[in-house]
């Protein structure tokens, strides 16, 4: 019986070490939504920085007066933007760090996305 105790304990230690320590979004929790407007290639509304805990769902929405491409660096999420219509990307922020969100064609910086562990 004793010869089984050590392997069982070792297996328990290994399997509990495989769990994630990142906070997870509660089921049904609203995503973090940041809305931006760009006019003449410059951001005219929206926050300078969006801060979320790792594991949260994030939506970045933008409306521009010219066609462009929305891009979230580090996550490589993109969306084509049609002039006068909103476009958005939604994703799980699961990579901690500081990431630039921009429009590629105009080069307009929308915000910094800060994801904390």
PDB file of N, CA and C in Angstrom:
ATOM      1  N   UNK A   1       0.812  -1.191   0.000  1.00  0.00           N
ATOM      2  CA  UNK A   1       0.000   0.000   0.000  1.00  0.00           C
ATOM      3  C   UNK A   1       0.858   1.258   0.000  1.00  0.00           C
ATOM      4  N   UNK A   2       1.956   1.222   0.787  1.00  0.00           N
ATOM      5  CA  UNK A   2       2.817   2.393   0.883  1.00  0.00           C
ATOM      6  C   UNK A   2       3.493   2.730  -0.443  1.00  0.00           C
ATOM      7  N   UNK A   3       3.766   1.726  -1.247  1.00  0.00           N
ATOM      8  CA  UNK A   3       4.447   2.001  -2.515  1.00  0.00           C
ATOM      9  C   UNK A   3       3.548   2.770  -3.482  1.00  0.00           C
ATOM     10  N   UNK A   4       2.253   2.827  -3.231  1.00  0.00           N
ATOM     11  CA  UNK A   4       1.335   3.591  -4.074  1.00  0.00           C
ATOM     12  C   UNK A   4       1.175   5.031  -3.597  1.00  0.00           C
ATOM     13  N   UNK A   5       1.500   5.300  -2.355  1.00  0.00           N
ATOM     14  CA  UNK A   5       1.307   6.638  -1.789  1.00  0.00           C
ATOM     15  C   UNK A   5       2.198   7.664  -2.485  1.00  0.00           C
ATOM     16  N   UNK A   6       3.470   7.356  -2.656  1.00  0.00           N
ATOM     17  CA  UNK A   6       4.404   8.305  -3.265  1.00  0.00           C
ATOM     18  C   UNK A   6       4.001   8.636  -4.701  1.00  0.00           C
ATOM     19  N   UNK A   7       3.720   7.659  -5.559  1.00  0.00           N
ATOM     20  CA  UNK A   7       3.300   8.011  -6.924  1.00  0.00           C
ATOM     21  C   UNK A   7       2.000   8.821  -6.965  1.00  0.00           C
ATOM     22  N   UNK A   8       1.067   8.495  -6.092  1.00  0.00           N
ATOM     23  CA  UNK A   8      -0.202   9.228  -6.066  1.00  0.00           C
ATOM     24  C   UNK A   8       0.041  10.667  -5.636  1.00  0.00           C
ATOM     25  N   UNK A   9       0.851  10.876  -4.611  1.00  0.00           N
ATOM     26  CA  UNK A   9       1.170  12.239  -4.171  1.00  0.00           C
ATOM     27  C   UNK A   9       1.900  13.010  -5.265  1.00  0.00           C
ATOM     28  N   UNK A  10       2.825  12.359  -5.943  1.00  0.00           N
ATOM     29  CA  UNK A  10       3.552  13.015  -7.031  1.00  0.00           C
ATOM     30  C   UNK A  10       2.594  13.435  -8.139  1.00  0.00           C
ATOM     31  N   UNK A  11       1.643  12.568  -8.477  1.00  0.00           N
ATOM     32  CA  UNK A  11       0.679  12.899  -9.521  1.00  0.00           C
ATOM     33  C   UNK A  11      -0.199  14.073  -9.097  1.00  0.00           C
ATOM     34  N   UNK A  12      -0.603  14.109  -7.850  1.00  0.00           N
ATOM     35  CA  UNK A  12      -1.412  15.224  -7.352  1.00  0.00           C
ATOM     36  C   UNK A  12      -0.648  16.538  -7.433  1.00  0.00           C
ATOM     37  N   UNK A  13       0.620  16.531  -7.074  1.00  0.00           N
ATOM     38  CA  UNK A  13       1.429  17.744  -7.153  1.00  0.00           C
ATOM     39  C   UNK A  13       1.563  18.228  -8.593  1.00  0.00           C
ATOM     40  N   UNK A  14       1.788  17.311  -9.511  1.00  0.00           N
ATOM     41  CA  UNK A  14       1.935  17.682 -10.920  1.00  0.00           C
ATOM     42  C   UNK A  14       0.638  18.257 -11.470  1.00  0.00           C
ATOM     43  N   UNK A  15      -0.481  17.623 -11.201  1.00  0.00           N
ATOM     44  CA  UNK A  15      -1.747  18.092 -11.773  1.00  0.00           C
ATOM     45  C   UNK A  15      -2.210  19.396 -11.157  1.00  0.00           C
ATOM     46  N   UNK A  16      -1.947  19.636  -9.882  1.00  0.00           N
ATOM     47  CA  UNK A  16      -2.350  20.922  -9.298  1.00  0.00           C
ATOM     48  C   UNK A  16      -1.444  22.030  -9.777  1.00  0.00           C
ATOM     49  N   UNK A  17      -0.222  21.718 -10.160  1.00  0.00           N
ATOM     50  CA  UNK A  17       0.683  22.734 -10.696  1.00  0.00           C
ATOM     51  C   UNK A  17       0.332  23.152 -12.104  1.00  0.00           C
ATOM     52  N   UNK A  18      -0.530  22.426 -12.776  1.00  0.00           N
ATOM     53  CA  UNK A  18      -0.908  22.747 -14.149  1.00  0.00           C
ATOM     54  C   UNK A  18      -2.049  23.743 -14.227  1.00  0.00           C
ATOM     55  N   UNK A  19      -2.647  24.098 -13.123  1.00  0.00           N
ATOM     56  CA  UNK A  19      -3.774  25.033 -13.135  1.00  0.00           C
ATOM     57  C   UNK A  19      -3.320  26.445 -13.431  1.00  0.00           C
ATOM     58  N   UNK A  20      -4.195  27.242 -13.975  1.00  0.00           N
ATOM     59  CA  UNK A  20      -3.905  28.637 -14.292  1.00  0.00           C
ATOM     60  C   UNK A  20      -4.138  29.508 -13.073  1.00  0.00           C
ATOM     61  N   UNK A  21      -3.238  30.482 -12.870  1.00  0.00           N
ATOM     62  CA  UNK A  21      -3.419  31.430 -11.781  1.00  0.00           C
ATOM     63  C   UNK A  21      -3.983  32.746 -12.282  1.00  0.00           C
ATOM     64  N   UNK A  22      -4.144  32.895 -13.591  1.00  0.00           N
ATOM     65  CA  UNK A  22      -4.691  34.133 -14.149  1.00  0.00           C
ATOM     66  C   UNK A  22      -6.162  34.250 -13.780  1.00  0.00           C
ATOM     67  N   UNK A  23      -6.586  35.457 -13.387  1.00  0.00           N
ATOM     68  CA  UNK A  23      -8.004  35.625 -13.069  1.00  0.00           C
ATOM     69  C   UNK A  23      -8.852  35.400 -14.312  1.00  0.00           C
ATOM     70  N   UNK A  24      -9.941  34.713 -14.146  1.00  0.00           N
ATOM     71  CA  UNK A  24     -10.832  34.428 -15.264  1.00  0.00           C
ATOM     72  C   UNK A  24     -12.070  35.299 -15.165  1.00  0.00           C
ATOM     73  N   UNK A  25     -12.571  35.698 -16.312  1.00  0.00           N
ATOM     74  CA  UNK A  25     -13.789  36.494 -16.346  1.00  0.00           C
ATOM     75  C   UNK A  25     -14.951  35.631 -15.892  1.00  0.00           C
ATOM     76  N   UNK A  26     -15.781  36.181 -15.052  1.00  0.00           N
ATOM     77  CA  UNK A  26     -16.955  35.465 -14.573  1.00  0.00           C
ATOM     78  C   UNK A  26     -17.932  35.256 -15.725  1.00  0.00           C
ATOM     79  N   UNK A  27     -18.573  34.104 -15.806  1.00  0.00           N
ATOM     80  CA  UNK A  27     -19.565  33.886 -16.854  1.00  0.00           C
ATOM     81  C   UNK A  27     -20.642  34.966 -16.786  1.00  0.00           C
ATOM     82  N   UNK A  28     -20.968  35.526 -17.920  1.00  0.00           N
ATOM     83  CA  UNK A  28     -21.993  36.560 -17.976  1.00  0.00           C
ATOM     84  C   UNK A  28     -21.471  37.953 -17.677  1.00  0.00           C
ATOM     85  N   UNK A  29     -20.176  38.082 -17.325  1.00  0.00           N
ATOM     86  CA  UNK A  29     -19.612  39.403 -17.047  1.00  0.00           C
ATOM     87  C   UNK A  29     -19.517  40.190 -18.350  1.00  0.00           C
ATOM     88  N   UNK A  30     -19.834  41.469 -18.262  1.00  0.00           N
ATOM     89  CA  UNK A  30     -19.794  42.319 -19.450  1.00  0.00           C
ATOM     90  C   UNK A  30     -18.350  42.534 -19.883  1.00  0.00           C
ATOM     91  N   UNK A  31     -18.085  42.535 -21.196  1.00  0.00           N
ATOM     92  CA  UNK A  31     -16.728  42.795 -21.665  1.00  0.00           C
ATOM     93  C   UNK A  31     -16.361  44.263 -21.446  1.00  0.00           C
ATOM     94  N   UNK A  32     -15.077  44.527 -21.394  1.00  0.00           N
ATOM     95  CA  UNK A  32     -14.574  45.898 -21.355  1.00  0.00           C
ATOM     96  C   UNK A  32     -14.720  46.447 -22.769  1.00  0.00           C
ATOM     97  N   UNK A  33     -15.429  47.559 -22.934  1.00  0.00           N
ATOM     98  CA  UNK A  33     -15.656  48.144 -24.257  1.00  0.00           C
ATOM     99  C   UNK A  33     -15.057  49.544 -24.282  1.00  0.00           C
ATOM    100  N   UNK A  34     -14.211  49.813 -25.276  1.00  0.00           N
ATOM    101  CA  UNK A  34     -13.634  51.138 -25.471  1.00  0.00           C
ATOM    102  C   UNK A  34     -14.044  51.614 -26.860  1.00  0.00           C
ATOM    103  N   UNK A  35     -14.643  52.811 -26.919  1.00  0.00           N
ATOM    104  CA  UNK A  35     -15.182  53.342 -28.176  1.00  0.00           C
ATOM    105  C   UNK A  35     -14.387  54.585 -28.565  1.00  0.00           C
ATOM    106  N   UNK A  36     -13.992  54.654 -29.850  1.00  0.00           N
ATOM    107  CA  UNK A  36     -13.166  55.745 -30.356  1.00  0.00           C
ATOM    108  C   UNK A  36     -13.783  56.351 -31.609  1.00  0.00           C
ATOM    109  N   UNK A  37     -13.490  57.636 -31.807  1.00  0.00           N
ATOM    110  CA  UNK A  37     -13.837  58.327 -33.040  1.00  0.00           C
ATOM    111  C   UNK A  37     -12.563  58.956 -33.577  1.00  0.00           C
ATOM    112  N   UNK A  38     -12.350  58.828 -34.895  1.00  0.00           N
ATOM    113  CA  UNK A  38     -11.180  59.420 -35.542  1.00  0.00           C
ATOM    114  C   UNK A  38     -11.675  60.313 -36.661  1.00  0.00           C
ATOM    115  N   UNK A  39     -11.192  61.564 -36.663  1.00  0.00           N
ATOM    116  CA  UNK A  39     -11.550  62.536 -37.697  1.00  0.00           C
ATOM    117  C   UNK A  39     -10.266  63.171 -38.218  1.00  0.00           C
ATOM    118  N   UNK A  40     -10.117  63.200 -39.531  1.00  0.00           N
ATOM    119  CA  UNK A  40      -8.919  63.795 -40.120  1.00  0.00           C
ATOM    120  C   UNK A  40      -7.639  63.098 -39.702  1.00  0.00           C
ATOM    121  N   UNK A  41      -7.718  61.800 -39.442  1.00  0.00           N
ATOM    122  CA  UNK A  41      -6.536  61.030 -39.073  1.00  0.00           C
ATOM    123  C   UNK A  41      -6.112  61.177 -37.626  1.00  0.00           C
ATOM    124  N   UNK A  42      -6.947  61.827 -36.798  1.00  0.00           N
ATOM    125  CA  UNK A  42      -6.611  62.018 -35.382  1.00  0.00           C
ATOM    126  C   UNK A  42      -7.758  61.540 -34.496  1.00  0.00           C
ATOM    127  N   UNK A  43      -7.401  60.950 -33.382  1.00  0.00           N
ATOM    128  CA  UNK A  43      -8.413  60.511 -32.415  1.00  0.00           C
ATOM    129  C   UNK A  43      -9.100  61.739 -31.831  1.00  0.00           C
ATOM    130  N   UNK A  44     -10.427  61.745 -31.889  1.00  0.00           N
ATOM    131  CA  UNK A  44     -11.196  62.860 -31.326  1.00  0.00           C
ATOM    132  C   UNK A  44     -11.984  62.450 -30.090  1.00  0.00           C
ATOM    133  N   UNK A  45     -12.136  61.160 -29.856  1.00  0.00           N
ATOM    134  CA  UNK A  45     -12.765  60.693 -28.617  1.00  0.00           C
ATOM    135  C   UNK A  45     -12.282  59.288 -28.308  1.00  0.00           C
ATOM    136  N   UNK A  46     -12.322  58.967 -27.011  1.00  0.00           N
ATOM    137  CA  UNK A  46     -11.891  57.656 -26.537  1.00  0.00           C
ATOM    138  C   UNK A  46     -10.773  57.814 -25.530  1.00  0.00           C
ATOM    139  N   UNK A  47     -10.586  56.813 -24.667  1.00  0.00           N
ATOM    140  CA  UNK A  47      -9.591  56.902 -23.597  1.00  0.00           C
ATOM    141  C   UNK A  47      -8.152  56.757 -24.101  1.00  0.00           C
ATOM    142  N   UNK A  48      -7.219  57.424 -23.395  1.00  0.00           N
ATOM    143  CA  UNK A  48      -5.793  57.306 -23.715  1.00  0.00           C
ATOM    144  C   UNK A  48      -5.273  55.903 -23.434  1.00  0.00           C
ATOM    145  N   UNK A  49      -5.826  55.278 -22.394  1.00  0.00           N
ATOM    146  CA  UNK A  49      -5.377  53.937 -22.010  1.00  0.00           C
ATOM    147  C   UNK A  49      -6.577  53.111 -21.565  1.00  0.00           C
ATOM    148  N   UNK A  50      -6.562  51.846 -21.961  1.00  0.00           N
ATOM    149  CA  UNK A  50      -7.568  50.877 -21.528  1.00  0.00           C
ATOM    150  C   UNK A  50      -6.833  49.861 -20.662  1.00  0.00           C
ATOM    151  N   UNK A  51      -7.283  49.690 -19.406  1.00  0.00           N
ATOM    152  CA  UNK A  51      -6.635  48.753 -18.490  1.00  0.00           C
ATOM    153  C   UNK A  51      -7.603  47.639 -18.119  1.00  0.00           C
ATOM    154  N   UNK A  52      -7.133  46.404 -18.287  1.00  0.00           N
ATOM    155  CA  UNK A  52      -7.955  45.236 -17.954  1.00  0.00           C
ATOM    156  C   UNK A  52      -7.093  44.175 -17.291  1.00  0.00           C
ATOM    157  N   UNK A  53      -7.736  43.322 -16.524  1.00  0.00           N
ATOM    158  CA  UNK A  53      -7.061  42.164 -15.945  1.00  0.00           C
ATOM    159  C   UNK A  53      -7.003  41.055 -16.990  1.00  0.00           C
ATOM    160  N   UNK A  54      -5.936  40.280 -16.953  1.00  0.00           N
ATOM    161  CA  UNK A  54      -5.807  39.150 -17.874  1.00  0.00           C
ATOM    162  C   UNK A  54      -7.014  38.233 -17.729  1.00  0.00           C
ATOM    163  N   UNK A  55      -7.492  37.745 -18.864  1.00  0.00           N
ATOM    164  CA  UNK A  55      -8.653  36.863 -18.877  1.00  0.00           C
ATOM    165  C   UNK A  55      -9.950  37.572 -19.215  1.00  0.00           C
ATOM    166  N   UNK A  56      -9.930  38.909 -19.212  1.00  0.00           N
ATOM    167  CA  UNK A  56     -11.146  39.676 -19.524  1.00  0.00           C
ATOM    168  C   UNK A  56     -11.364  39.739 -21.033  1.00  0.00           C
ATOM    169  N   UNK A  57     -12.621  39.868 -21.422  1.00  0.00           N
ATOM    170  CA  UNK A  57     -12.971  40.084 -22.820  1.00  0.00           C
ATOM    171  C   UNK A  57     -12.946  41.582 -23.083  1.00  0.00           C
ATOM    172  N   UNK A  58     -12.311  41.969 -24.182  1.00  0.00           N
ATOM    173  CA  UNK A  58     -12.164  43.377 -24.543  1.00  0.00           C
ATOM    174  C   UNK A  58     -12.758  43.593 -25.927  1.00  0.00           C
ATOM    175  N   UNK A  59     -13.486  44.702 -26.087  1.00  0.00           N
ATOM    176  CA  UNK A  59     -13.963  45.134 -27.399  1.00  0.00           C
ATOM    177  C   UNK A  59     -13.424  46.529 -27.652  1.00  0.00           C
ATOM    178  N   UNK A  60     -12.752  46.700 -28.782  1.00  0.00           N
ATOM    179  CA  UNK A  60     -12.279  48.009 -29.230  1.00  0.00           C
ATOM    180  C   UNK A  60     -13.120  48.360 -30.446  1.00  0.00           C
ATOM    181  N   UNK A  61     -13.812  49.498 -30.374  1.00  0.00           N
ATOM    182  CA  UNK A  61     -14.697  49.928 -31.466  1.00  0.00           C
ATOM    183  C   UNK A  61     -14.254  51.304 -31.944  1.00  0.00           C
ATOM    184  N   UNK A  62     -14.231  51.499 -33.254  1.00  0.00           N
ATOM    185  CA  UNK A  62     -13.808  52.784 -33.810  1.00  0.00           C
ATOM    186  C   UNK A  62     -14.694  53.169 -34.989  1.00  0.00           C
ATOM    187  N   UNK A  63     -14.940  54.471 -35.104  1.00  0.00           N
ATOM    188  CA  UNK A  63     -15.618  55.050 -36.265  1.00  0.00           C
ATOM    189  C   UNK A  63     -14.693  56.121 -36.821  1.00  0.00           C
ATOM    190  N   UNK A  64     -14.472  56.110 -38.134  1.00  0.00           N
ATOM    191  CA  UNK A  64     -13.586  57.087 -38.768  1.00  0.00           C
ATOM    192  C   UNK A  64     -14.297  57.762 -39.928  1.00  0.00           C
ATOM    193  N   UNK A  65     -13.684  58.855 -40.398  1.00  0.00           N
ATOM    194  CA  UNK A  65     -14.234  59.548 -41.565  1.00  0.00           C
ATOM    195  C   UNK A  65     -13.525  59.127 -42.854  1.00  0.00           C
ATOM    196  N   UNK A  66     -12.658  58.125 -42.771  1.00  0.00           N
ATOM    197  CA  UNK A  66     -11.936  57.616 -43.943  1.00  0.00           C
ATOM    198  C   UNK A  66     -11.724  56.112 -43.763  1.00  0.00           C
ATOM    199  N   UNK A  67     -11.647  55.368 -44.856  1.00  0.00           N
ATOM    200  CA  UNK A  67     -11.399  53.932 -44.732  1.00  0.00           C
ATOM    201  C   UNK A  67     -10.026  53.678 -44.104  1.00  0.00           C
ATOM    202  N   UNK A  68      -9.923  52.634 -43.315  1.00  0.00           N
ATOM    203  CA  UNK A  68      -8.667  52.345 -42.623  1.00  0.00           C
ATOM    204  C   UNK A  68      -8.687  50.900 -42.142  1.00  0.00           C
ATOM    205  N   UNK A  69      -7.690  50.541 -41.348  1.00  0.00           N
ATOM    206  CA  UNK A  69      -7.641  49.215 -40.737  1.00  0.00           C
ATOM    207  C   UNK A  69      -7.296  49.375 -39.262  1.00  0.00           C
ATOM    208  N   UNK A  70      -8.160  48.864 -38.404  1.00  0.00           N
ATOM    209  CA  UNK A  70      -7.933  48.845 -36.963  1.00  0.00           C
ATOM    210  C   UNK A  70      -6.991  47.690 -36.646  1.00  0.00           C
ATOM    211  N   UNK A  71      -5.984  47.956 -35.796  1.00  0.00           N
ATOM    212  CA  UNK A  71      -5.018  46.905 -35.459  1.00  0.00           C
ATOM    213  C   UNK A  71      -4.658  46.974 -33.985  1.00  0.00           C
ATOM    214  N   UNK A  72      -4.753  45.826 -33.299  1.00  0.00           N
ATOM    215  CA  UNK A  72      -4.329  45.694 -31.906  1.00  0.00           C
ATOM    216  C   UNK A  72      -3.003  44.941 -31.919  1.00  0.00           C
ATOM    217  N   UNK A  73      -1.909  45.662 -31.642  1.00  0.00           N
ATOM    218  CA  UNK A  73      -0.582  45.045 -31.634  1.00  0.00           C
ATOM    219  C   UNK A  73      -0.469  44.040 -30.493  1.00  0.00           C
ATOM    220  N   UNK A  74       0.346  43.026 -30.691  1.00  0.00           N
ATOM    221  CA  UNK A  74       0.558  42.004 -29.673  1.00  0.00           C
ATOM    222  C   UNK A  74      -0.475  40.892 -29.732  1.00  0.00           C
ATOM    223  N   UNK A  75      -1.669  41.231 -30.169  1.00  0.00           N
ATOM    224  CA  UNK A  75      -2.738  40.243 -30.323  1.00  0.00           C
ATOM    225  C   UNK A  75      -3.014  39.975 -31.797  1.00  0.00           C
ATOM    226  N   UNK A  76      -2.450  40.826 -32.658  1.00  0.00           N
ATOM    227  CA  UNK A  76      -2.643  40.722 -34.104  1.00  0.00           C
ATOM    228  C   UNK A  76      -4.106  40.591 -34.485  1.00  0.00           C
ATOM    229  N   UNK A  77      -4.931  41.398 -33.865  1.00  0.00           N
ATOM    230  CA  UNK A  77      -6.356  41.478 -34.206  1.00  0.00           C
ATOM    231  C   UNK A  77      -6.541  42.683 -35.106  1.00  0.00           C
ATOM    232  N   UNK A  78      -7.257  42.491 -36.207  1.00  0.00           N
ATOM    233  CA  UNK A  78      -7.497  43.580 -37.152  1.00  0.00           C
ATOM    234  C   UNK A  78      -8.960  43.597 -37.571  1.00  0.00           C
ATOM    235  N   UNK A  79      -9.367  44.767 -38.063  1.00  0.00           N
ATOM    236  CA  UNK A  79     -10.708  44.908 -38.638  1.00  0.00           C
ATOM    237  C   UNK A  79     -10.649  45.997 -39.691  1.00  0.00           C
ATOM    238  N   UNK A  80     -11.270  45.753 -40.834  1.00  0.00           N
ATOM    239  CA  UNK A  80     -11.389  46.787 -41.859  1.00  0.00           C
ATOM    240  C   UNK A  80     -12.416  47.804 -41.401  1.00  0.00           C
ATOM    241  N   UNK A  81     -12.079  49.081 -41.582  1.00  0.00           N
ATOM    242  CA  UNK A  81     -12.960  50.166 -41.166  1.00  0.00           C
ATOM    243  C   UNK A  81     -13.467  50.877 -42.414  1.00  0.00           C
ATOM    244  N   UNK A  82     -14.785  50.973 -42.548  1.00  0.00           N
ATOM    245  CA  UNK A  82     -15.428  51.696 -43.648  1.00  0.00           C
ATOM    246  C   UNK A  82     -15.752  53.092 -43.138  1.00  0.00           C
ATOM    247  N   UNK A  83     -15.470  54.107 -43.950  1.00  0.00           N
ATOM    248  CA  UNK A  83     -15.722  55.492 -43.539  1.00  0.00           C
ATOM    249  C   UNK A  83     -17.171  55.671 -43.094  1.00  0.00           C
ATOM    250  N   UNK A  84     -17.342  56.278 -41.915  1.00  0.00           N
ATOM    251  CA  UNK A  84     -18.673  56.572 -41.406  1.00  0.00           C
ATOM    252  C   UNK A  84     -19.370  55.414 -40.717  1.00  0.00           C
ATOM    253  N   UNK A  85     -18.735  54.244 -40.682  1.00  0.00           N
ATOM    254  CA  UNK A  85     -19.330  53.080 -40.018  1.00  0.00           C
ATOM    255  C   UNK A  85     -18.390  52.590 -38.921  1.00  0.00           C
ATOM    256  N   UNK A  86     -18.968  52.055 -37.868  1.00  0.00           N
ATOM    257  CA  UNK A  86     -18.113  51.542 -36.796  1.00  0.00           C
ATOM    258  C   UNK A  86     -17.599  50.151 -37.150  1.00  0.00           C
ATOM    259  N   UNK A  87     -16.403  49.873 -36.669  1.00  0.00           N
ATOM    260  CA  UNK A  87     -15.795  48.551 -36.807  1.00  0.00           C
ATOM    261  C   UNK A  87     -15.225  48.193 -35.443  1.00  0.00           C
ATOM    262  N   UNK A  88     -15.155  46.903 -35.152  1.00  0.00           N
ATOM    263  CA  UNK A  88     -14.654  46.515 -33.837  1.00  0.00           C
ATOM    264  C   UNK A  88     -13.920  45.186 -33.888  1.00  0.00           C
ATOM    265  N   UNK A  89     -13.101  44.982 -32.870  1.00  0.00           N
ATOM    266  CA  UNK A  89     -12.473  43.690 -32.619  1.00  0.00           C
ATOM    267  C   UNK A  89     -12.797  43.317 -31.173  1.00  0.00           C
ATOM    268  N   UNK A  90     -13.093  42.055 -30.959  1.00  0.00           N
ATOM    269  CA  UNK A  90     -13.371  41.541 -29.622  1.00  0.00           C
ATOM    270  C   UNK A  90     -12.475  40.328 -29.407  1.00  0.00           C
ATOM    271  N   UNK A  91     -11.824  40.282 -28.247  1.00  0.00           N
ATOM    272  CA  UNK A  91     -10.887  39.201 -27.965  1.00  0.00           C
ATOM    273  C   UNK A  91     -10.712  39.056 -26.457  1.00  0.00           C
ATOM    274  N   UNK A  92     -10.123  37.945 -26.056  1.00  0.00           N
ATOM    275  CA  UNK A  92      -9.781  37.723 -24.658  1.00  0.00           C
ATOM    276  C   UNK A  92      -8.374  38.249 -24.435  1.00  0.00           C
ATOM    277  N   UNK A  93      -8.231  39.174 -23.510  1.00  0.00           N
ATOM    278  CA  UNK A  93      -6.932  39.770 -23.200  1.00  0.00           C
ATOM    279  C   UNK A  93      -6.176  38.808 -22.286  1.00  0.00           C
ATOM    280  N   UNK A  94      -5.432  37.893 -22.884  1.00  0.00           N
ATOM    281  CA  UNK A  94      -4.760  36.860 -22.104  1.00  0.00           C
ATOM    282  C   UNK A  94      -3.239  36.956 -22.146  1.00  0.00           C
ATOM    283  N   UNK A  95      -2.713  38.045 -22.712  1.00  0.00           N
ATOM    284  CA  UNK A  95      -1.268  38.267 -22.751  1.00  0.00           C
ATOM    285  C   UNK A  95      -0.976  39.531 -21.947  1.00  0.00           C
ATOM    286  N   UNK A  96      -0.368  39.409 -20.765  1.00  0.00           N
ATOM    287  CA  UNK A  96      -0.072  40.609 -19.982  1.00  0.00           C
ATOM    288  C   UNK A  96       0.947  41.501 -20.695  1.00  0.00           C
ATOM    289  N   UNK A  97       0.787  42.806 -20.539  1.00  0.00           N
ATOM    290  CA  UNK A  97       1.723  43.756 -21.127  1.00  0.00           C
ATOM    291  C   UNK A  97       1.019  45.024 -21.556  1.00  0.00           C
ATOM    292  N   UNK A  98       1.756  45.864 -22.284  1.00  0.00           N
ATOM    293  CA  UNK A  98       1.258  47.138 -22.790  1.00  0.00           C
ATOM    294  C   UNK A  98       1.295  47.078 -24.312  1.00  0.00           C
ATOM    295  N   UNK A  99       0.149  47.316 -24.959  1.00  0.00           N
ATOM    296  CA  UNK A  99       0.029  47.134 -26.401  1.00  0.00           C
ATOM    297  C   UNK A  99      -0.584  48.370 -27.045  1.00  0.00           C
ATOM    298  N   UNK A 100      -0.076  48.732 -28.209  1.00  0.00           N
ATOM    299  CA  UNK A 100      -0.612  49.868 -28.956  1.00  0.00           C
ATOM    300  C   UNK A 100      -1.798  49.415 -29.798  1.00  0.00           C
ATOM    301  N   UNK A 101      -2.807  50.269 -29.844  1.00  0.00           N
ATOM    302  CA  UNK A 101      -3.962  50.053 -30.716  1.00  0.00           C
ATOM    303  C   UNK A 101      -3.974  51.234 -31.668  1.00  0.00           C
ATOM    304  N   UNK A 102      -3.980  50.960 -32.973  1.00  0.00           N
ATOM    305  CA  UNK A 102      -3.857  52.045 -33.945  1.00  0.00           C
ATOM    306  C   UNK A 102      -4.668  51.773 -35.206  1.00  0.00           C
ATOM    307  N   UNK A 103      -4.748  52.809 -36.027  1.00  0.00           N
ATOM    308  CA  UNK A 103      -5.261  52.674 -37.385  1.00  0.00           C
ATOM    309  C   UNK A 103      -4.045  52.640 -38.303  1.00  0.00           C
ATOM    310  N   UNK A 104      -3.943  51.634 -39.140  1.00  0.00           N
ATOM    311  CA  UNK A 104      -2.742  51.448 -39.952  1.00  0.00           C
ATOM    312  C   UNK A 104      -2.565  52.496 -41.036  1.00  0.00           C
ATOM    313  N   UNK A 105      -3.581  52.778 -41.816  1.00  0.00           N
ATOM    314  CA  UNK A 105      -3.409  53.682 -42.953  1.00  0.00           C
ATOM    315  C   UNK A 105      -3.094  55.106 -42.524  1.00  0.00           C
ATOM    316  N   UNK A 106      -3.839  55.635 -41.564  1.00  0.00           N
ATOM    317  CA  UNK A 106      -3.608  57.009 -41.110  1.00  0.00           C
ATOM    318  C   UNK A 106      -2.491  57.083 -40.081  1.00  0.00           C
ATOM    319  N   UNK A 107      -2.161  55.958 -39.455  1.00  0.00           N
ATOM    320  CA  UNK A 107      -1.152  55.959 -38.403  1.00  0.00           C
ATOM    321  C   UNK A 107      -1.666  56.520 -37.092  1.00  0.00           C
ATOM    322  N   UNK A 108      -2.977  56.743 -36.997  1.00  0.00           N
ATOM    323  CA  UNK A 108      -3.560  57.320 -35.784  1.00  0.00           C
ATOM    324  C   UNK A 108      -3.464  56.327 -34.629  1.00  0.00           C
ATOM    325  N   UNK A 109      -2.817  56.764 -33.541  1.00  0.00           N
ATOM    326  CA  UNK A 109      -2.768  55.955 -32.324  1.00  0.00           C
ATOM    327  C   UNK A 109      -4.084  56.151 -31.591  1.00  0.00           C
ATOM    328  N   UNK A 110      -4.793  55.054 -31.333  1.00  0.00           N
ATOM    329  CA  UNK A 110      -6.070  55.151 -30.630  1.00  0.00           C
ATOM    330  C   UNK A 110      -5.883  55.115 -29.123  1.00  0.00           C
ATOM    331  N   UNK A 111      -5.130  54.125 -28.649  1.00  0.00           N
ATOM    332  CA  UNK A 111      -4.992  53.950 -27.206  1.00  0.00           C
ATOM    333  C   UNK A 111      -3.859  52.986 -26.924  1.00  0.00           C
ATOM    334  N   UNK A 112      -3.547  52.851 -25.646  1.00  0.00           N
ATOM    335  CA  UNK A 112      -2.669  51.795 -25.169  1.00  0.00           C
ATOM    336  C   UNK A 112      -3.540  50.817 -24.391  1.00  0.00           C
ATOM    337  N   UNK A 113      -3.358  49.551 -24.666  1.00  0.00           N
ATOM    338  CA  UNK A 113      -4.064  48.499 -23.939  1.00  0.00           C
ATOM    339  C   UNK A 113      -3.095  47.926 -22.913  1.00  0.00           C
ATOM    340  N   UNK A 114      -3.440  48.060 -21.634  1.00  0.00           N
ATOM    341  CA  UNK A 114      -2.600  47.510 -20.564  1.00  0.00           C
ATOM    342  C   UNK A 114      -3.332  46.324 -19.954  1.00  0.00           C
ATOM    343  N   UNK A 115      -2.706  45.156 -20.065  1.00  0.00           N
ATOM    344  CA  UNK A 115      -3.278  43.922 -19.527  1.00  0.00           C
ATOM    345  C   UNK A 115      -2.423  43.500 -18.338  1.00  0.00           C
ATOM    346  N   UNK A 116      -3.056  43.404 -17.168  1.00  0.00           N
ATOM    347  CA  UNK A 116      -2.327  43.045 -15.954  1.00  0.00           C
ATOM    348  C   UNK A 116      -2.580  41.591 -15.585  1.00  0.00           C
ATOM    349  N   UNK A 117      -1.544  40.962 -15.067  1.00  0.00           N
ATOM    350  CA  UNK A 117      -1.644  39.548 -14.681  1.00  0.00           C
ATOM    351  C   UNK A 117      -2.404  39.388 -13.389  1.00  0.00           C
TER     352      UNK A 117
END
